[in-house]
Amino acid sequence: MVEIPLGISQEFFIIDYGMHQNTCWVVVLQSKGIIKHTDCNDVILSTNYTYGMNLRKNNFTKKEDTTKDK
C-alpha cells in the first residue's frame, strides 16, 4: 500500500520512461477503486508494521516541522 495526494492506494505497476524522466506509478485508490497515474515524487510508502516500515506514519495531510534539530 502507498499513499498519494488523493488517498491510500494499492500500487498496480510502474512505468519507467528512462533516466531523464521520473517513473510513473499506476495505482488503484482504495476508497473508490479508481485507477490513477501519479509521479514517483507523490508516492509515500504506507505504514507496514510487519516489516517496520514508515512507522512514523508520514502522510500528505500532516506537515512535519523540518527546522528542528533531531
Protein backbone atom coordinates (compact mmCIF):
# COMPACT_ATOMS: atom_id res chain seq x y z
CA MET A 1 0.00 0.00 0.00
CA VAL A 2 1.10 3.53 -0.74
CA GLU A 3 -0.23 6.99 -0.04
CA ILE A 4 -0.67 9.59 -2.78
CA PRO A 5 -2.28 13.05 -2.51
CA LEU A 6 -5.65 11.50 -3.48
CA GLY A 7 -5.56 8.90 -0.68
CA ILE A 8 -4.39 5.42 0.26
CA SER A 9 -3.80 3.26 -2.79
CA GLN A 10 -2.58 -0.13 -3.94
CA GLU A 11 0.33 0.03 -6.36
CA PHE A 12 -0.58 -1.69 -9.60
CA PHE A 13 2.52 -1.26 -11.74
CA ILE A 14 5.30 1.22 -12.52
CA ILE A 15 6.15 2.75 -15.90
CA ASP A 16 9.81 3.67 -16.38
CA TYR A 17 10.34 6.13 -19.24
CA GLY A 18 14.13 6.21 -18.85
CA MET A 19 16.78 8.08 -16.95
CA HIS A 20 15.64 11.58 -17.93
CA GLN A 21 12.08 11.31 -16.60
CA ASN A 22 10.51 10.30 -13.29
CA THR A 23 8.77 6.95 -13.07
CA CYS A 24 5.00 6.91 -13.32
CA TRP A 25 3.14 4.85 -10.71
CA VAL A 26 -0.19 3.35 -11.67
CA VAL A 27 -2.26 2.91 -8.50
CA VAL A 28 -5.79 1.91 -7.54
CA LEU A 29 -7.47 4.17 -4.97
CA GLN A 30 -8.58 2.09 -2.00
CA SER A 31 -11.71 4.15 -1.36
CA LYS A 32 -13.22 4.08 -4.85
CA GLY A 33 -11.25 1.57 -6.94
CA ILE A 34 -10.33 4.29 -9.43
CA ILE A 35 -7.07 3.81 -11.32
CA LYS A 36 -4.74 6.82 -11.33
CA HIS A 37 -1.29 7.62 -12.71
CA THR A 38 0.99 9.59 -10.40
CA ASP A 39 4.57 10.83 -10.42
CA CYS A 40 7.05 8.99 -8.20
CA ASN A 41 7.59 12.18 -6.16
CA ASP A 42 3.95 11.94 -4.98
CA VAL A 43 4.23 8.41 -3.55
CA ILE A 44 4.78 7.59 0.13
CA LEU A 45 5.02 4.05 1.46
CA SER A 46 2.17 3.32 3.87
CA THR A 47 2.95 2.04 7.36
CA ASN A 48 3.87 -1.65 7.43
CA TYR A 49 4.18 -2.97 10.98
CA THR A 50 5.33 -6.43 9.86
CA TYR A 51 8.49 -5.08 8.26
CA GLY A 52 8.81 -1.97 10.46
CA MET A 53 8.46 0.40 7.51
CA ASN A 54 7.30 4.02 7.82
CA LEU A 55 6.30 3.69 11.46
CA ARG A 56 6.21 7.49 11.75
CA LYS A 57 3.05 7.45 9.59
CA ASN A 58 4.17 10.02 7.05
CA ASN A 59 1.29 11.33 5.00
CA PHE A 60 0.31 14.25 2.80
CA THR A 61 -2.15 15.81 5.27
CA LYS A 62 0.24 16.20 8.21
CA LYS A 63 3.12 18.64 7.71
CA GLU A 64 6.31 17.85 9.63
CA ASP A 65 8.48 20.64 11.04
CA THR A 66 11.84 20.06 9.39
CA THR A 67 13.54 23.04 11.08
CA LYS A 68 14.01 21.24 14.43
CA ASP A 69 17.30 19.52 15.20
CA LYS A 70 16.88 15.81 15.79
